[in-house]
């Protein structure tokens, strides 16, 4: 398995659930379960892994040390994506994306990971209230047990 799309395909049956690992300041690993999906980077068009989070610790780790590993699995088959994260959110603005673009990006990531919502206005309101950020991971290395 050599592509980001092939790695992400492992998580499709499980609504895009992925284990994300970040590096703490003391050198230990912090891991959490998130929904993630492959999308086009809104500024460059390159293929990246996207997720949406309000995880205070995860975001602090990524701000200080953007290295991240994502693990996809389906049964005993797994793939790892190692890369560097870029955060886009209310606390991490980017000059190439305005508030409307962030609202749309959070929706795009959620839907690409298999999410559905009955009330998108409510979804947008919750994302804004929780100050959720989009995290885009540019893959440096992808490997698997296949």
Protein backbone atom coordinates (compact mmCIF):
# COMPACT_ATOMS: atom_id res chain seq x y z
CA UNK A 1 0.00 0.00 0.00
CA UNK A 2 1.61 3.23 -1.08
CA UNK A 3 -0.99 5.97 -1.46
CA UNK A 4 -2.93 8.12 0.94
CA UNK A 5 -6.18 7.08 -0.75
CA UNK A 6 -5.41 3.37 -0.25
CA UNK A 7 -4.58 3.97 3.41
CA UNK A 8 -7.77 5.97 4.01
CA UNK A 9 -9.88 3.31 2.28
CA UNK A 10 -9.20 1.03 5.25
CA UNK A 11 -11.24 3.30 7.53
CA UNK A 12 -14.27 3.80 5.27
CA UNK A 13 -16.31 0.98 6.80
CA UNK A 14 -15.72 2.54 10.22
CA UNK A 15 -16.81 6.10 9.28
CA UNK A 16 -13.27 7.30 8.76
CA UNK A 17 -12.11 6.56 12.31
CA UNK A 18 -8.36 7.01 12.57
CA UNK A 19 -5.91 7.01 15.49
CA UNK A 20 -3.87 10.23 15.45
CA UNK A 21 -0.64 10.42 17.44
CA UNK A 22 1.12 13.67 18.30
CA UNK A 23 4.29 14.39 20.23
CA UNK A 24 4.14 15.93 23.71
CA UNK A 25 6.80 18.36 24.93
CA UNK A 26 8.33 15.61 27.12
CA UNK A 27 8.80 13.36 24.07
CA UNK A 28 5.95 10.97 24.88
CA UNK A 29 3.11 10.20 22.49
CA UNK A 30 -0.46 11.48 22.81
CA UNK A 31 -3.03 9.49 20.82
CA UNK A 32 -6.70 10.05 20.09
CA UNK A 33 -9.43 8.71 17.85
CA UNK A 34 -10.79 11.09 15.20
CA UNK A 35 -12.72 11.04 11.92
CA UNK A 36 -10.46 11.85 9.00
CA UNK A 37 -10.68 11.88 5.21
CA UNK A 38 -8.64 12.54 2.12
CA UNK A 39 -9.34 15.95 0.60
CA UNK A 40 -7.69 18.48 -1.69
CA UNK A 41 -5.79 21.20 0.16
CA UNK A 42 -7.90 24.37 -0.30
CA UNK A 43 -4.89 26.55 -1.13
CA UNK A 44 -2.61 24.21 -3.08
CA UNK A 45 -4.89 21.45 -4.40
CA UNK A 46 -2.48 18.78 -3.17
CA UNK A 47 -3.94 15.61 -1.65
CA UNK A 48 -3.91 15.76 2.16
CA UNK A 49 -5.52 14.06 5.12
CA UNK A 50 -8.06 16.31 6.82
CA UNK A 51 -9.67 16.20 10.24
CA UNK A 52 -11.64 18.59 12.42
CA UNK A 53 -10.89 18.89 16.12
CA UNK A 54 -11.31 21.03 19.21
CA UNK A 55 -8.81 18.83 21.06
CA UNK A 56 -6.95 21.33 23.21
CA UNK A 57 -3.95 19.05 23.86
CA UNK A 58 -3.77 17.71 20.30
CA UNK A 59 -3.81 21.23 18.84
CA UNK A 60 -1.20 22.49 21.34
CA UNK A 61 1.06 19.57 20.46
CA UNK A 62 0.63 20.19 16.73
CA UNK A 63 1.29 23.92 17.07
CA UNK A 64 4.59 23.23 18.80
CA UNK A 65 5.55 20.03 16.96
CA UNK A 66 3.59 19.51 13.73
CA UNK A 67 4.76 15.91 13.24
CA UNK A 68 1.81 13.53 13.30
CA UNK A 69 1.06 9.89 12.56
CA UNK A 70 -2.35 8.60 11.50
CA UNK A 71 -3.17 4.90 11.72
CA UNK A 72 -5.93 3.45 9.54
CA UNK A 73 -7.17 -0.10 10.05
CA UNK A 74 -9.66 -2.69 8.94
CA UNK A 75 -9.35 -5.84 11.00
CA UNK A 76 -5.70 -6.83 10.98
CA UNK A 77 -4.90 -4.77 7.89
CA UNK A 78 -3.44 -1.37 8.73
CA UNK A 79 -1.62 1.57 7.20
CA UNK A 80 0.31 4.43 8.77
CA UNK A 81 0.59 7.94 7.38
CA UNK A 82 3.35 10.09 8.82
CA UNK A 83 3.40 13.77 7.99
CA UNK A 84 3.27 17.36 9.08
CA UNK A 85 0.11 19.15 10.16
CA UNK A 86 -1.18 22.56 9.23
CA UNK A 87 -3.89 24.00 11.48
CA UNK A 88 -6.62 26.27 10.15
CA UNK A 89 -9.11 27.61 12.66
CA UNK A 90 -10.37 30.54 14.67
CA UNK A 91 -7.20 30.44 16.80
CA UNK A 92 -4.97 29.55 13.84
CA UNK A 93 -6.04 31.76 10.93
CA UNK A 94 -4.41 31.38 7.54
CA UNK A 95 -4.15 34.28 5.09
CA UNK A 96 -5.50 32.15 2.25
CA UNK A 97 -8.79 31.15 3.97
CA UNK A 98 -11.46 33.41 5.40
CA UNK A 99 -14.20 32.51 7.93
CA UNK A 100 -16.58 31.35 5.20
CA UNK A 101 -13.86 29.17 3.71
CA UNK A 102 -13.20 27.62 7.14
CA UNK A 103 -16.92 26.90 7.58
CA UNK A 104 -16.98 25.14 4.22
CA UNK A 105 -13.71 23.28 4.89
CA UNK A 106 -15.01 21.84 8.17
CA UNK A 107 -18.13 20.64 6.35
CA UNK A 108 -16.08 19.16 3.50
CA UNK A 109 -13.87 17.18 5.87
CA UNK A 110 -16.84 15.94 7.91
CA UNK A 111 -18.73 14.80 4.79
CA UNK A 112 -15.66 13.22 3.18
CA UNK A 113 -15.17 11.15 6.36
CA UNK A 114 -18.70 9.80 5.95
CA UNK A 115 -20.48 12.25 8.23
CA UNK A 116 -24.05 13.30 7.62
CA UNK A 117 -26.03 16.05 9.31
CA UNK A 118 -29.72 16.94 9.34
CA UNK A 119 -29.11 20.59 10.17
CA UNK A 120 -25.97 22.14 8.67
CA UNK A 121 -26.65 25.51 10.31
CA UNK A 122 -26.56 23.77 13.69
CA UNK A 123 -23.37 21.95 12.70
CA UNK A 124 -21.73 25.27 11.70
CA UNK A 125 -22.86 26.92 14.94
CA UNK A 126 -21.44 24.09 17.06
CA UNK A 127 -18.13 24.12 15.17
CA UNK A 128 -17.81 27.88 15.71
CA UNK A 129 -18.83 27.76 19.38
CA UNK A 130 -16.33 24.96 20.10
CA UNK A 131 -13.65 26.82 18.10
CA UNK A 132 -12.96 23.69 16.10
CA UNK A 133 -10.03 23.76 13.74
CA UNK A 134 -9.33 21.92 10.53
CA UNK A 135 -6.06 20.02 10.52
CA UNK A 136 -4.50 19.19 7.17
CA UNK A 137 -1.76 16.59 7.15
CA UNK A 138 0.72 16.51 4.29
CA UNK A 139 2.02 12.94 4.09
CA UNK A 140 5.79 12.41 4.22
CA UNK A 141 5.72 8.61 4.52
CA UNK A 142 3.01 5.98 4.06
CA UNK A 143 3.48 2.31 4.90
CA UNK A 144 1.39 -0.72 5.78
CA UNK A 145 1.43 -4.41 6.61
CA UNK A 146 0.40 -5.29 3.03
